Amino acid sequence: MNDDRRGAAPPDLPARGRKASGHHHLSIGFQRPFGLWWGGVEGQGPSTIARRAVLAAPALLLARPAAAVSFPDRGLAQGGFVVGRAAPGTRLSLEGRSLRVSPDGAFAFGFGRDHGASATLAVTNPDNRREDRRLTIARRQWQEQRINGLPPSQVTPDEETLQRILREREKLTTVRAVDSALTGFAQGFAAPATGRISGVYGSRRILNGQPRQPHYGLDFAVPTGTPLLAVAAGRVTLADSFHFFGNLVVIDHGHGVNTLYAHLSAFEVREGQAVAKGERIALSGATGRVTGPHLHFSLSWFQTFLDPQPVVMPA
């Protein structure tokens, strides 16, 4: 699958080491045009995402509702997140990877920052009829962000610190691999905080003059001690202190969908705890690799980092 699997490394290691009304409908055995689709393009300012929408042929009425699969087209873009519905008994796979479908038909998937121009969604209805649908993935342009004044150890760590970073990477990879039956992701998302956006998803980062990994999250410039909220219902899978992320919390929202909250000054939840949408989970801070207090927030589908801004701050 052409996505950011290797982006599972949460932050950087040194060089060594639109609101849209369109839905996509499938009905096995019939030809269907698409509805609306969008692809986000980063604007000139760090808190702006310009969106474009193209109106294609209107969708046909579903000929076989029991075999239908439907999802908004707005997620068909690099960094896009898709939540859809399928008829009970429908089996789905994306690029050969089976998707979990809840008893009421909810499913989710996403595309990494550098995903290619297309993807294949295979739909098998309860009668075992299958259709492969080619999805067109909109390409995006990315900003460049330069950050100076970081301690050298946070840009080029020594060998001992590097080993710690690698262990922390493995821990994050493990919690992001969880494929639980939770369905918090299907109940809608709220913002984790209110504040100026100081960093956006996908930007190329130059740290102390050195190129590093792209930014795989959304940064909220909020003062230390700001209450932070769970963006959706779920279960805490990690509450720990990391070298780059500082104090962080990871929440599993089901079906491989998880969120991460970093640079915290205090925890208000523990590992294994169930949380509700909008529940306080932590206080913001300036721990880890930072030049000032803020919240780094990320959204992932398994190991694939997704753009959280259209999800938690829809236009």
Protein backbone atom coordinates (compact mmCIF):
# COMPACT_ATOMS: atom_id res chain seq x y z
CA MET A 1 0.00 0.00 0.00
CA ASN A 2 1.48 3.29 -1.07
CA ASP A 3 1.31 5.30 2.13
CA ASP A 4 3.41 6.53 4.99
CA ARG A 5 3.96 3.19 6.72
CA ARG A 6 7.54 4.16 7.46
CA GLY A 7 6.20 7.41 8.88
CA ALA A 8 5.47 5.34 11.96
CA ALA A 9 8.61 6.90 13.36
CA PRO A 10 6.82 9.55 15.40
CA PRO A 11 9.23 12.42 15.16
CA ASP A 12 12.48 12.78 13.23
CA LEU A 13 15.56 10.69 13.59
CA PRO A 14 18.87 11.89 12.21
CA ALA A 15 19.85 10.90 8.70
CA ARG A 16 21.38 7.75 9.90
CA GLY A 17 19.14 5.83 11.37
CA ARG A 18 -14.56 21.39 3.03
CA LYS A 19 -16.95 20.49 4.26
CA ALA A 20 -18.32 18.43 1.36
CA SER A 21 -21.74 16.98 0.70
CA GLY A 22 -20.61 14.43 -1.90
CA HIS A 23 -20.61 10.75 -1.08
CA HIS A 24 -19.09 7.81 -2.87
CA HIS A 25 -21.58 5.01 -3.47
CA LEU A 26 -20.94 1.45 -4.58
CA SER A 27 -23.61 -1.06 -5.61
CA ILE A 28 -22.25 -4.36 -6.81
CA GLY A 29 -22.90 -5.19 -10.46
CA PHE A 30 -23.91 -1.68 -11.64
CA GLN A 31 -21.99 1.26 -13.06
CA ARG A 32 -21.89 4.29 -10.80
CA PRO A 33 -20.57 7.79 -11.34
CA PHE A 34 -18.95 9.64 -8.49
CA GLY A 35 -20.45 12.55 -6.58
CA LEU A 36 -18.30 15.30 -5.08
CA TRP A 37 -14.66 15.00 -4.35
CA TRP A 38 -12.16 17.34 -2.81
CA GLY A 39 -8.47 17.62 -2.36
CA GLY A 40 -6.99 19.96 0.21
CA VAL A 41 -4.13 22.25 -0.72
CA GLU A 42 -2.12 23.93 2.00
CA GLY A 43 -2.57 27.72 1.93
CA GLN A 44 0.09 30.34 2.47
CA GLY A 45 -0.46 30.67 6.21
CA PRO A 46 0.14 27.85 8.69
CA SER A 47 -3.48 27.84 9.87
CA THR A 48 -5.04 27.82 6.41
CA ILE A 49 -6.06 24.91 4.27
CA ALA A 50 -7.57 25.87 0.94
CA ARG A 51 -10.02 23.35 -0.41
CA ARG A 52 -11.27 22.75 -3.88
CA ALA A 53 -14.33 20.80 -4.99
CA VAL A 54 -15.23 19.51 -8.41
CA LEU A 55 -18.80 18.51 -9.19
CA ALA A 56 -18.95 15.34 -11.23
CA ALA A 57 -22.00 13.44 -12.50
CA PRO A 58 -24.68 13.02 -9.81
CA ALA A 59 -24.75 9.69 -8.11
CA LEU A 60 -27.33 7.16 -9.25
CA LEU A 61 -29.87 5.72 -6.88
CA LEU A 62 -28.52 2.51 -5.48
CA ALA A 63 -29.90 -0.43 -7.41
CA ARG A 64 -29.14 -2.85 -4.59
CA PRO A 65 -29.20 -0.99 -1.27
CA ALA A 66 -28.30 -4.13 0.64
CA ALA A 67 -24.95 -4.26 -1.17
CA ALA A 68 -24.17 -0.54 -0.93
CA VAL A 69 -21.03 1.03 0.41
CA SER A 70 -21.07 4.78 0.98
CA PHE A 71 -18.54 7.31 2.23
CA PRO A 72 -17.82 11.04 1.81
CA ASP A 73 -15.47 11.81 -1.04
CA ARG A 74 -13.65 14.51 0.92
CA GLY A 75 -11.15 12.03 2.28
CA LEU A 76 -9.88 10.94 -1.13
CA ALA A 77 -6.68 12.97 -0.95
CA GLN A 78 -3.16 12.60 0.34
CA GLY A 79 -3.45 12.62 4.13
CA GLY A 80 -7.20 11.99 3.85
CA PHE A 81 -9.33 10.17 6.42
CA VAL A 82 -12.47 8.28 5.36
CA VAL A 83 -15.33 7.01 7.53
CA GLY A 84 -18.04 5.09 5.69
CA ARG A 85 -20.96 2.71 5.99
CA ALA A 86 -21.54 -0.70 4.46
CA ALA A 87 -24.46 -3.10 4.49
CA PRO A 88 -24.23 -5.84 7.13
CA GLY A 89 -22.18 -8.76 5.89
CA THR A 90 -20.17 -6.71 3.39
CA ARG A 91 -16.44 -7.41 3.31
CA LEU A 92 -13.97 -4.68 2.34
CA SER A 93 -10.30 -4.42 1.62
CA LEU A 94 -8.11 -1.51 0.59
CA GLU A 95 -5.03 -2.29 -1.46
CA GLY A 96 -5.29 -5.88 -0.26
CA ARG A 97 -5.66 -5.01 3.44
CA SER A 98 -8.89 -6.22 5.03
CA LEU A 99 -10.95 -3.52 6.71
CA ARG A 100 -12.86 -4.17 9.89
CA VAL A 101 -16.61 -3.47 9.44
CA SER A 102 -18.67 -2.96 12.60
CA PRO A 103 -22.01 -4.76 13.13
CA ASP A 104 -23.82 -1.57 12.06
CA GLY A 105 -21.59 -1.17 8.99
CA ALA A 106 -19.05 1.47 10.07
CA PHE A 107 -15.55 1.32 8.66
CA ALA A 108 -12.54 3.61 8.29
CA PHE A 109 -9.37 3.98 6.27
CA GLY A 110 -6.90 6.67 5.25
CA PHE A 111 -4.13 7.70 2.90
CA GLY A 112 -0.64 8.83 3.81
CA ARG A 113 1.03 12.11 2.94
CA ASP A 114 2.84 10.67 -0.06
CA HIS A 115 0.19 8.25 -1.32
CA GLY A 116 0.07 7.73 -5.07
CA ALA A 117 -2.64 8.83 -7.49
CA SER A 118 -4.99 5.91 -6.94
CA ALA A 119 -6.03 3.09 -4.63
CA THR A 120 -8.20 0.00 -5.06
CA LEU A 121 -11.15 -0.69 -2.77
CA ALA A 122 -12.46 -4.25 -3.05
CA VAL A 123 -16.09 -4.74 -2.01
CA THR A 124 -17.58 -8.22 -1.54
CA ASN A 125 -21.30 -8.30 -0.75
CA PRO A 126 -22.98 -10.95 1.41
CA ASP A 127 -23.65 -13.03 -1.75
CA ASN A 128 -19.89 -13.13 -2.39
CA ARG A 129 -20.08 -10.93 -5.48
CA ARG A 130 -17.03 -8.71 -5.66
CA GLU A 131 -16.23 -5.43 -7.33
CA ASP A 132 -12.92 -3.63 -7.34
CA ARG A 133 -13.28 0.13 -7.45
CA ARG A 134 -10.37 2.40 -8.37
CA LEU A 135 -10.28 5.48 -6.16
CA THR A 136 -8.58 8.64 -7.40
CA ILE A 137 -6.44 10.24 -4.69
CA ALA A 138 -5.97 14.02 -4.98
CA ARG A 139 -2.39 15.24 -4.79
CA ARG A 140 -1.50 18.04 -2.38
CA GLN A 141 1.24 20.64 -2.08
CA TRP A 142 3.12 20.97 1.18
CA GLN A 143 4.55 23.92 3.06
CA GLU A 144 8.06 24.23 4.37
CA GLN A 145 8.59 25.09 8.03
CA ARG A 146 11.89 26.23 9.53
CA ILE A 147 12.44 25.96 13.27
CA ASN A 148 15.59 27.24 14.93
CA GLY A 149 16.81 27.39 18.50
CA LEU A 150 16.28 23.73 19.38
CA PRO A 151 18.84 22.10 21.69
CA PRO A 152 21.34 20.08 19.60
CA SER A 153 20.36 16.89 21.45
CA GLN A 154 16.82 17.29 20.09
CA VAL A 155 18.07 17.46 16.50
CA THR A 156 21.11 15.17 16.47
CA PRO A 157 20.89 12.90 19.51
CA ASP A 158 23.83 10.92 20.85
CA GLU A 159 23.98 7.13 20.64
CA GLU A 160 22.38 6.49 24.03
CA THR A 161 19.52 8.87 23.29
CA LEU A 162 19.13 7.37 19.83
CA GLN A 163 18.61 3.93 21.35
CA ARG A 164 15.92 5.39 23.62
CA ILE A 165 14.22 6.98 20.60
CA LEU A 166 14.23 3.65 18.77
CA ARG A 167 12.63 1.89 21.77
CA GLU A 168 9.98 4.60 21.94
CA ARG A 169 9.31 4.20 18.23
CA GLU A 170 8.67 0.50 18.72
CA LYS A 171 6.28 1.21 21.59
CA LEU A 172 4.29 3.62 19.41
CA THR A 173 4.28 1.13 16.54
CA THR A 174 2.81 -1.49 18.87
CA VAL A 175 -0.05 0.67 20.16
CA ARG A 176 -0.84 1.92 16.65
CA ALA A 177 -1.18 -1.66 15.44
CA VAL A 178 -4.23 -2.24 17.67
CA ASP A 179 -7.33 -3.17 15.63
CA SER A 180 -10.06 -3.03 18.26
CA ALA A 181 -13.83 -3.26 17.73
CA LEU A 182 -14.38 0.19 19.29
CA THR A 183 -16.36 2.62 17.11
CA GLY A 184 -15.59 6.01 18.63
CA PHE A 185 -14.22 7.07 15.24
CA ALA A 186 -17.71 6.76 13.72
CA GLN A 187 -19.36 9.14 16.20
CA GLY A 188 -17.70 12.33 14.95
CA PHE A 189 -14.72 14.31 16.19
CA ALA A 190 -14.19 17.43 18.31
CA ALA A 191 -11.13 19.67 18.56
CA PRO A 192 -8.64 18.79 21.32
CA ALA A 193 -8.01 22.46 22.14
CA THR A 194 -8.81 26.00 20.98
CA GLY A 195 -5.91 28.14 19.88
CA ARG A 196 -3.80 29.45 17.05
CA ILE A 197 -2.53 26.79 14.66
CA SER A 198 1.24 27.03 14.61
CA GLY A 199 2.10 23.93 12.59
CA VAL A 200 0.24 21.93 9.98
CA TYR A 201 0.31 18.38 8.70
CA GLY A 202 2.66 17.47 5.89
CA SER A 203 5.02 20.44 6.04
CA ARG A 204 8.67 19.83 5.22
CA ARG A 205 10.70 20.66 8.31
CA ILE A 206 14.11 22.27 8.58
CA LEU A 207 15.30 22.06 12.19
CA ASN A 208 18.32 24.15 13.16
CA GLY A 209 19.11 24.26 9.44
CA GLN A 210 18.92 20.47 9.00
CA PRO A 211 16.23 18.75 6.88
CA ARG A 212 14.17 16.32 8.93
CA GLN A 213 10.98 14.27 8.55
CA PRO A 214 7.77 16.05 7.53
CA HIS A 215 5.45 17.22 10.28
CA TYR A 216 2.80 14.56 10.80
CA GLY A 217 0.44 16.47 13.08
CA LEU A 218 -1.35 19.69 13.94
CA ASP A 219 0.13 22.11 16.46
CA PHE A 220 -2.02 24.29 18.73
CA ALA A 221 -0.18 27.25 20.28
CA VAL A 222 -1.73 27.14 23.75
CA PRO A 223 -0.16 28.10 27.08
CA THR A 224 1.03 25.56 29.60
CA GLY A 225 -1.82 24.19 31.70
CA THR A 226 -4.49 24.42 28.99
CA PRO A 227 -7.01 21.55 29.40
CA LEU A 228 -6.88 19.11 26.50
CA LEU A 229 -9.84 17.00 25.39
CA ALA A 230 -10.28 13.59 23.82
CA VAL A 231 -11.44 14.23 20.25
CA ALA A 232 -13.57 11.07 20.21
CA ALA A 233 -14.54 8.23 22.49
CA GLY A 234 -11.96 5.53 22.97
CA ARG A 235 -9.47 3.88 25.29
CA VAL A 236 -6.08 5.14 26.41
CA THR A 237 -3.38 2.80 25.11
CA LEU A 238 -0.34 4.85 26.11
CA ALA A 239 0.47 7.53 28.71
CA ASP A 240 4.22 7.96 28.94
CA SER A 241 7.19 10.31 28.59
CA PHE A 242 9.24 10.26 25.36
CA HIS A 243 12.38 12.07 24.24
CA PHE A 244 10.89 14.00 21.32
CA PHE A 245 7.20 14.00 22.24
CA GLY A 246 7.72 14.64 25.94
CA ASN A 247 4.69 13.53 27.95
CA LEU A 248 2.16 12.01 25.58
CA VAL A 249 -1.17 10.20 25.49
CA VAL A 250 -2.40 7.88 22.73
CA ILE A 251 -6.10 6.97 22.43
CA ASP A 252 -7.50 4.06 20.42
CA HIS A 253 -10.83 4.98 18.75
CA GLY A 254 -11.31 1.61 17.05
CA HIS A 255 -10.55 -0.05 13.71
CA GLY A 256 -6.96 1.19 13.74
CA VAL A 257 -7.90 4.85 14.26
CA ASN A 258 -5.88 6.51 17.00
CA THR A 259 -4.90 9.98 18.18
CA LEU A 260 -1.82 11.28 19.94
CA TYR A 261 -1.44 14.31 22.26
CA ALA A 262 2.13 15.42 23.00
CA HIS A 263 4.28 17.88 25.00
CA LEU A 264 1.94 17.61 28.00
CA SER A 265 2.62 19.10 31.41
CA ALA A 266 0.31 16.71 33.27
CA PHE A 267 -1.71 13.55 32.70
CA GLU A 268 -5.37 13.28 33.71
CA VAL A 269 -5.91 9.73 32.42
CA ARG A 270 -4.10 6.42 32.76
CA GLU A 271 -3.41 3.56 30.38
CA GLY A 272 -6.42 1.30 29.87
CA GLN A 273 -8.91 3.99 30.85
CA ALA A 274 -12.04 4.46 28.70
CA VAL A 275 -12.64 8.09 27.74
CA ALA A 276 -15.64 9.92 26.29
CA LYS A 277 -15.59 12.43 23.47
CA GLY A 278 -14.75 15.83 24.97
CA GLU A 279 -13.39 14.41 28.25
CA ARG A 280 -10.33 16.07 29.76
CA ILE A 281 -7.27 13.90 29.36
CA ALA A 282 -4.27 16.14 30.08
CA LEU A 283 -2.84 19.64 30.40
CA SER A 284 -0.72 21.19 27.68
CA GLY A 285 2.94 21.93 28.27
CA ALA A 286 6.41 22.24 26.80
CA THR A 287 7.99 18.83 27.40
CA GLY A 288 10.10 17.09 24.75
CA ARG A 289 11.35 18.77 21.57
CA VAL A 290 9.77 22.23 21.68
CA THR A 291 10.65 25.91 21.49
CA GLY A 292 7.60 26.87 23.56
CA PRO A 293 4.39 25.45 25.03
CA HIS A 294 1.93 23.94 22.57
CA LEU A 295 -0.07 20.81 21.82
CA HIS A 296 1.13 18.52 19.07
CA PHE A 297 -1.89 16.48 17.96
CA SER A 298 -1.81 13.67 15.43
CA LEU A 299 -4.31 11.29 13.83
CA SER A 300 -3.34 7.90 12.47
CA TRP A 301 -4.88 4.90 10.78
CA PHE A 302 -2.64 2.15 12.04
CA GLN A 303 0.89 3.31 11.11
CA THR A 304 -0.31 5.84 8.52
CA PHE A 305 -0.30 9.45 9.67
CA LEU A 306 -3.34 11.42 8.44
CA ASP A 307 -4.20 15.13 8.26
CA PRO A 308 -6.19 15.88 11.43
CA GLN A 309 -7.22 19.45 10.55
CA PRO A 310 -10.18 18.64 8.25
CA VAL A 311 -11.32 16.05 10.81
CA VAL A 312 -11.26 18.04 14.05
CA MET A 313 -11.60 21.55 12.52
CA PRO A 314 -13.87 21.10 9.45
CA ALA A 315 -14.52 24.23 7.38
